[in-house]
Each structure stands twice: as C-alpha cells, then as structure tokens.
Amino acid sequence: MRVKCSLCDKVETIDSWSFEAKRLRNKPAKTYMCQECQERISERTAERAASGQFKLYPTFRQKRNW
C-alpha cells in the first residue's frame, strides 16, 4: 500500500496487511506520518517538556469531579 506523509509529503510503501494499513483504510480521517517526522516531533516535544515551558492541560473529563 502506498501512503503519503501528511507533513513532508514523502511517499512510502507499507505492507498492505499491516495494522497501520488496515487503520488507514477503515478510518479515512487518520493520517500517516513517516518515521522521520514522528521522531522529529517526539524529540521536540521532549525538549519542550524538559524546558519547563510546556503545559499539558487536562481534558474536560479529567476536570469534572462528579
């Protein structure tokens, strides 16, 4: 299966029977990111978290105390 990275527009081939390919076929709203983009995003997120400037706000479900 040929897929295109949503960030860098690089076209790659993944196994048609893999879980990721099945997820992309069944849920078209899901996007594909190549391994390089995933690594870059995770590195930069870790850098922001280590700097102390990064705040993770809780979702609505976590705020409610019912």
PDB file of N, CA and C in Angstrom:
ATOM      1  N   MET A   1       0.857  -1.173   0.000  1.00  0.00           N
ATOM      2  CA  MET A   1       0.000   0.000   0.000  1.00  0.00           C
ATOM      3  C   MET A   1       0.905   1.238   0.000  1.00  0.00           C
ATOM      4  N   ARG A   2       0.605   2.167  -0.858  1.00  0.00           N
ATOM      5  CA  ARG A   2       1.362   3.412  -0.919  1.00  0.00           C
ATOM      6  C   ARG A   2       0.674   4.451  -0.056  1.00  0.00           C
ATOM      7  N   VAL A   3       1.459   5.114   0.779  1.00  0.00           N
ATOM      8  CA  VAL A   3       0.935   6.147   1.676  1.00  0.00           C
ATOM      9  C   VAL A   3       1.799   7.389   1.557  1.00  0.00           C
ATOM     10  N   LYS A   4       1.215   8.517   1.918  1.00  0.00           N
ATOM     11  CA  LYS A   4       1.912   9.798   1.826  1.00  0.00           C
ATOM     12  C   LYS A   4       1.926  10.452   3.202  1.00  0.00           C
ATOM     13  N   CYS A   5       3.095  10.891   3.626  1.00  0.00           N
ATOM     14  CA  CYS A   5       3.227  11.556   4.920  1.00  0.00           C
ATOM     15  C   CYS A   5       2.471  12.884   4.867  1.00  0.00           C
ATOM     16  N   SER A   6       1.703  13.143   5.902  1.00  0.00           N
ATOM     17  CA  SER A   6       0.894  14.363   5.906  1.00  0.00           C
ATOM     18  C   SER A   6       1.714  15.614   6.184  1.00  0.00           C
ATOM     19  N   LEU A   7       2.948  15.464   6.686  1.00  0.00           N
ATOM     20  CA  LEU A   7       3.770  16.625   6.997  1.00  0.00           C
ATOM     21  C   LEU A   7       4.773  16.955   5.901  1.00  0.00           C
ATOM     22  N   CYS A   8       5.503  15.938   5.431  1.00  0.00           N
ATOM     23  CA  CYS A   8       6.576  16.220   4.471  1.00  0.00           C
ATOM     24  C   CYS A   8       6.240  15.768   3.050  1.00  0.00           C
ATOM     25  N   ASP A   9       5.083  15.175   2.827  1.00  0.00           N
ATOM     26  CA  ASP A   9       4.608  14.720   1.516  1.00  0.00           C
ATOM     27  C   ASP A   9       5.503  13.664   0.878  1.00  0.00           C
ATOM     28  N   LYS A  10       6.226  12.908   1.712  1.00  0.00           N
ATOM     29  CA  LYS A  10       7.055  11.820   1.200  1.00  0.00           C
ATOM     30  C   LYS A  10       6.175  10.587   1.009  1.00  0.00           C
ATOM     31  N   VAL A  11       6.294   9.936  -0.151  1.00  0.00           N
ATOM     32  CA  VAL A  11       5.503   8.754  -0.457  1.00  0.00           C
ATOM     33  C   VAL A  11       6.307   7.520  -0.060  1.00  0.00           C
ATOM     34  N   GLU A  12       5.669   6.630   0.714  1.00  0.00           N
ATOM     35  CA  GLU A  12       6.300   5.397   1.158  1.00  0.00           C
ATOM     36  C   GLU A  12       5.379   4.227   0.875  1.00  0.00           C
ATOM     37  N   THR A  13       5.940   3.039   0.945  1.00  0.00           N
ATOM     38  CA  THR A  13       5.172   1.819   0.762  1.00  0.00           C
ATOM     39  C   THR A  13       5.167   1.054   2.076  1.00  0.00           C
ATOM     40  N   ILE A  14       3.967   0.684   2.551  1.00  0.00           N
ATOM     41  CA  ILE A  14       3.858  -0.130   3.753  1.00  0.00           C
ATOM     42  C   ILE A  14       3.149  -1.419   3.371  1.00  0.00           C
ATOM     43  N   ASP A  15       3.291  -2.427   4.216  1.00  0.00           N
ATOM     44  CA  ASP A  15       2.668  -3.716   3.978  1.00  0.00           C
ATOM     45  C   ASP A  15       1.146  -3.562   3.996  1.00  0.00           C
ATOM     46  N   SER A  16       0.476  -4.091   2.980  1.00  0.00           N
ATOM     47  CA  SER A  16      -0.975  -3.953   2.874  1.00  0.00           C
ATOM     48  C   SER A  16      -1.718  -4.681   3.986  1.00  0.00           C
ATOM     49  N   TRP A  17      -1.082  -5.653   4.614  1.00  0.00           N
ATOM     50  CA  TRP A  17      -1.739  -6.443   5.652  1.00  0.00           C
ATOM     51  C   TRP A  17      -1.361  -5.978   7.053  1.00  0.00           C
ATOM     52  N   SER A  18      -0.641  -4.888   7.176  1.00  0.00           N
ATOM     53  CA  SER A  18      -0.241  -4.416   8.500  1.00  0.00           C
ATOM     54  C   SER A  18      -1.417  -3.737   9.209  1.00  0.00           C
ATOM     55  N   PHE A  19      -1.282  -3.609  10.521  1.00  0.00           N
ATOM     56  CA  PHE A  19      -2.325  -2.956  11.306  1.00  0.00           C
ATOM     57  C   PHE A  19      -2.497  -1.501  10.888  1.00  0.00           C
ATOM     58  N   GLU A  20      -1.380  -0.835  10.606  1.00  0.00           N
ATOM     59  CA  GLU A  20      -1.443   0.575  10.214  1.00  0.00           C
ATOM     60  C   GLU A  20      -2.199   0.756   8.903  1.00  0.00           C
ATOM     61  N   ALA A  21      -1.988  -0.151   7.942  1.00  0.00           N
ATOM     62  CA  ALA A  21      -2.697  -0.075   6.665  1.00  0.00           C
ATOM     63  C   ALA A  21      -4.191  -0.307   6.868  1.00  0.00           C
ATOM     64  N   LYS A  22      -4.534  -1.257   7.721  1.00  0.00           N
ATOM     65  CA  LYS A  22      -5.944  -1.516   7.997  1.00  0.00           C
ATOM     66  C   LYS A  22      -6.597  -0.300   8.643  1.00  0.00           C
ATOM     67  N   ARG A  23      -5.896   0.324   9.583  1.00  0.00           N
ATOM     68  CA  ARG A  23      -6.428   1.509  10.253  1.00  0.00           C
ATOM     69  C   ARG A  23      -6.662   2.638   9.251  1.00  0.00           C
ATOM     70  N   LEU A  24      -5.725   2.832   8.322  1.00  0.00           N
ATOM     71  CA  LEU A  24      -5.864   3.901   7.332  1.00  0.00           C
ATOM     72  C   LEU A  24      -7.008   3.618   6.358  1.00  0.00           C
ATOM     73  N   ARG A  25      -7.217   2.346   6.012  1.00  0.00           N
ATOM     74  CA  ARG A  25      -8.320   2.002   5.109  1.00  0.00           C
ATOM     75  C   ARG A  25      -9.675   2.184   5.772  1.00  0.00           C
ATOM     76  N   ASN A  26      -9.796   1.759   7.025  1.00  0.00           N
ATOM     77  CA  ASN A  26     -11.094   1.769   7.694  1.00  0.00           C
ATOM     78  C   ASN A  26     -11.479   3.120   8.283  1.00  0.00           C
ATOM     79  N   LYS A  27     -10.509   3.935   8.585  1.00  0.00           N
ATOM     80  CA  LYS A  27     -10.784   5.255   9.167  1.00  0.00           C
ATOM     81  C   LYS A  27     -10.053   6.308   8.340  1.00  0.00           C
ATOM     82  N   PRO A  28     -10.685   6.820   7.308  1.00  0.00           N
ATOM     83  CA  PRO A  28     -10.002   7.761   6.411  1.00  0.00           C
ATOM     84  C   PRO A  28      -9.576   9.062   7.084  1.00  0.00           C
ATOM     85  N   ALA A  29     -10.100   9.368   8.247  1.00  0.00           N
ATOM     86  CA  ALA A  29      -9.709  10.606   8.927  1.00  0.00           C
ATOM     87  C   ALA A  29      -8.323  10.471   9.544  1.00  0.00           C
ATOM     88  N   LYS A  30      -7.818   9.249   9.725  1.00  0.00           N
ATOM     89  CA  LYS A  30      -6.479   9.038  10.266  1.00  0.00           C
ATOM     90  C   LYS A  30      -5.450   9.450   9.228  1.00  0.00           C
ATOM     91  N   THR A  31      -4.363  10.020   9.674  1.00  0.00           N
ATOM     92  CA  THR A  31      -3.314  10.442   8.759  1.00  0.00           C
ATOM     93  C   THR A  31      -2.057   9.637   9.003  1.00  0.00           C
ATOM     94  N   TYR A  32      -1.210   9.556   8.003  1.00  0.00           N
ATOM     95  CA  TYR A  32       0.038   8.809   8.084  1.00  0.00           C
ATOM     96  C   TYR A  32       1.194   9.777   8.264  1.00  0.00           C
ATOM     97  N   MET A  33       2.113   9.446   9.170  1.00  0.00           N
ATOM     98  CA  MET A  33       3.351  10.205   9.321  1.00  0.00           C
ATOM     99  C   MET A  33       4.514   9.244   9.173  1.00  0.00           C
ATOM    100  N   CYS A  34       5.516   9.642   8.420  1.00  0.00           N
ATOM    101  CA  CYS A  34       6.698   8.803   8.244  1.00  0.00           C
ATOM    102  C   CYS A  34       7.478   8.750   9.553  1.00  0.00           C
ATOM    103  N   GLN A  35       8.376   7.790   9.638  1.00  0.00           N
ATOM    104  CA  GLN A  35       9.146   7.589  10.864  1.00  0.00           C
ATOM    105  C   GLN A  35      10.012   8.803  11.202  1.00  0.00           C
ATOM    106  N   GLU A  36      10.560   9.460  10.190  1.00  0.00           N
ATOM    107  CA  GLU A  36      11.397  10.638  10.421  1.00  0.00           C
ATOM    108  C   GLU A  36      10.602  11.769  11.067  1.00  0.00           C
ATOM    109  N   CYS A  37       9.399  12.001  10.584  1.00  0.00           N
ATOM    110  CA  CYS A  37       8.560  13.065  11.154  1.00  0.00           C
ATOM    111  C   CYS A  37       8.123  12.711  12.575  1.00  0.00           C
ATOM    112  N   GLN A  38       7.799  11.442  12.819  1.00  0.00           N
ATOM    113  CA  GLN A  38       7.418  11.020  14.163  1.00  0.00           C
ATOM    114  C   GLN A  38       8.565  11.229  15.144  1.00  0.00           C
ATOM    115  N   GLU A  39       9.782  10.885  14.735  1.00  0.00           N
ATOM    116  CA  GLU A  39      10.941  11.074  15.602  1.00  0.00           C
ATOM    117  C   GLU A  39      11.202  12.551  15.863  1.00  0.00           C
ATOM    118  N   ARG A  40      11.085  13.370  14.818  1.00  0.00           N
ATOM    119  CA  ARG A  40      11.321  14.804  14.974  1.00  0.00           C
ATOM    120  C   ARG A  40      10.308  15.417  15.942  1.00  0.00           C
ATOM    121  N   ILE A  41       9.048  15.052  15.818  1.00  0.00           N
ATOM    122  CA  ILE A  41       8.012  15.593  16.700  1.00  0.00           C
ATOM    123  C   ILE A  41       8.229  15.133  18.135  1.00  0.00           C
ATOM    124  N   SER A  42       8.568  13.856  18.325  1.00  0.00           N
ATOM    125  CA  SER A  42       8.778  13.364  19.686  1.00  0.00           C
ATOM    126  C   SER A  42      10.003  14.007  20.334  1.00  0.00           C
ATOM    127  N   GLU A  43      11.067  14.244  19.572  1.00  0.00           N
ATOM    128  CA  GLU A  43      12.250  14.921  20.118  1.00  0.00           C
ATOM    129  C   GLU A  43      11.937  16.352  20.536  1.00  0.00           C
ATOM    130  N   ARG A  44      11.236  17.069  19.700  1.00  0.00           N
ATOM    131  CA  ARG A  44      10.924  18.472  20.016  1.00  0.00           C
ATOM    132  C   ARG A  44       9.943  18.575  21.181  1.00  0.00           C
ATOM    133  N   THR A  45       9.013  17.634  21.279  1.00  0.00           N
ATOM    134  CA  THR A  45       8.092  17.628  22.405  1.00  0.00           C
ATOM    135  C   THR A  45       8.838  17.356  23.698  1.00  0.00           C
ATOM    136  N   ALA A  46       9.789  16.428  23.645  1.00  0.00           N
ATOM    137  CA  ALA A  46      10.593  16.130  24.839  1.00  0.00           C
ATOM    138  C   ALA A  46      11.426  17.341  25.239  1.00  0.00           C
ATOM    139  N   GLU A  47      11.962  18.071  24.275  1.00  0.00           N
ATOM    140  CA  GLU A  47      12.727  19.277  24.573  1.00  0.00           C
ATOM    141  C   GLU A  47      11.848  20.336  25.234  1.00  0.00           C
ATOM    142  N   ARG A  48      10.630  20.515  24.723  1.00  0.00           N
ATOM    143  CA  ARG A  48       9.717  21.489  25.318  1.00  0.00           C
ATOM    144  C   ARG A  48       9.322  21.084  26.728  1.00  0.00           C
ATOM    145  N   ALA A  49       9.090  19.789  26.940  1.00  0.00           N
ATOM    146  CA  ALA A  49       8.716  19.313  28.274  1.00  0.00           C
ATOM    147  C   ALA A  49       9.857  19.517  29.258  1.00  0.00           C
ATOM    148  N   ALA A  50      11.083  19.330  28.815  1.00  0.00           N
ATOM    149  CA  ALA A  50      12.247  19.494  29.688  1.00  0.00           C
ATOM    150  C   ALA A  50      12.528  20.964  30.001  1.00  0.00           C
ATOM    151  N   SER A  51      12.081  21.874  29.137  1.00  0.00           N
ATOM    152  CA  SER A  51      12.365  23.288  29.347  1.00  0.00           C
ATOM    153  C   SER A  51      11.513  23.905  30.455  1.00  0.00           C
ATOM    154  N   GLY A  52      10.408  23.270  30.797  1.00  0.00           N
ATOM    155  CA  GLY A  52       9.529  23.811  31.826  1.00  0.00           C
ATOM    156  C   GLY A  52       8.492  24.767  31.269  1.00  0.00           C
ATOM    157  N   GLN A  53       8.537  25.084  30.000  1.00  0.00           N
ATOM    158  CA  GLN A  53       7.575  25.985  29.365  1.00  0.00           C
ATOM    159  C   GLN A  53       6.348  25.248  28.841  1.00  0.00           C
ATOM    160  N   PHE A  54       6.413  23.944  28.809  1.00  0.00           N
ATOM    161  CA  PHE A  54       5.354  23.128  28.220  1.00  0.00           C
ATOM    162  C   PHE A  54       4.323  22.789  29.283  1.00  0.00           C
ATOM    163  N   LYS A  55       3.051  23.118  29.035  1.00  0.00           N
ATOM    164  CA  LYS A  55       1.979  22.803  29.967  1.00  0.00           C
ATOM    165  C   LYS A  55       0.987  21.883  29.269  1.00  0.00           C
ATOM    166  N   LEU A  56       0.680  20.798  29.928  1.00  0.00           N
ATOM    167  CA  LEU A  56      -0.299  19.865  29.401  1.00  0.00           C
ATOM    168  C   LEU A  56      -1.597  20.109  30.144  1.00  0.00           C
ATOM    169  N   TYR A  57      -2.561  20.682  29.453  1.00  0.00           N
ATOM    170  CA  TYR A  57      -3.832  20.995  30.076  1.00  0.00           C
ATOM    171  C   TYR A  57      -4.713  19.762  30.094  1.00  0.00           C
ATOM    172  N   PRO A  58      -5.398  19.508  31.208  1.00  0.00           N
ATOM    173  CA  PRO A  58      -6.269  18.333  31.282  1.00  0.00           C
ATOM    174  C   PRO A  58      -7.500  18.505  30.405  1.00  0.00           C
ATOM    175  N   THR A  59      -8.052  17.400  29.986  1.00  0.00           N
ATOM    176  CA  THR A  59      -9.267  17.444  29.181  1.00  0.00           C
ATOM    177  C   THR A  59     -10.453  17.708  30.092  1.00  0.00           C
ATOM    178  N   PHE A  60     -11.595  17.932  29.506  1.00  0.00           N
ATOM    179  CA  PHE A  60     -12.804  18.233  30.266  1.00  0.00           C
ATOM    180  C   PHE A  60     -13.158  17.078  31.208  1.00  0.00           C
ATOM    181  N   ARG A  61     -12.984  15.847  30.747  1.00  0.00           N
ATOM    182  CA  ARG A  61     -13.328  14.688  31.574  1.00  0.00           C
ATOM    183  C   ARG A  61     -12.469  14.619  32.824  1.00  0.00           C
ATOM    184  N   GLN A  62     -11.245  15.036  32.746  1.00  0.00           N
ATOM    185  CA  GLN A  62     -10.370  14.964  33.904  1.00  0.00           C
ATOM    186  C   GLN A  62     -10.692  16.073  34.904  1.00  0.00           C
ATOM    187  N   LYS A  63     -11.253  17.178  34.470  1.00  0.00           N
ATOM    188  CA  LYS A  63     -11.562  18.281  35.380  1.00  0.00           C
ATOM    189  C   LYS A  63     -12.798  18.004  36.220  1.00  0.00           C
ATOM    190  N   ARG A  64     -13.774  17.309  35.653  1.00  0.00           N
ATOM    191  CA  ARG A  64     -15.034  17.098  36.358  1.00  0.00           C
ATOM    192  C   ARG A  64     -14.832  16.201  37.576  1.00  0.00           C
ATOM    193  N   ASN A  65     -15.455  16.561  38.644  1.00  0.00           N
ATOM    194  CA  ASN A  65     -15.448  15.743  39.858  1.00  0.00           C
ATOM    195  C   ASN A  65     -16.893  15.447  40.223  1.00  0.00           C
ATOM    196  N   TRP A  66     -17.527  14.590  39.490  1.00  0.00           N
ATOM    197  CA  TRP A  66     -18.924  14.261  39.746  1.00  0.00           C
ATOM    198  C   TRP A  66     -19.001  13.032  40.567  1.00  0.00           C
TER     199      TRP A  66
END
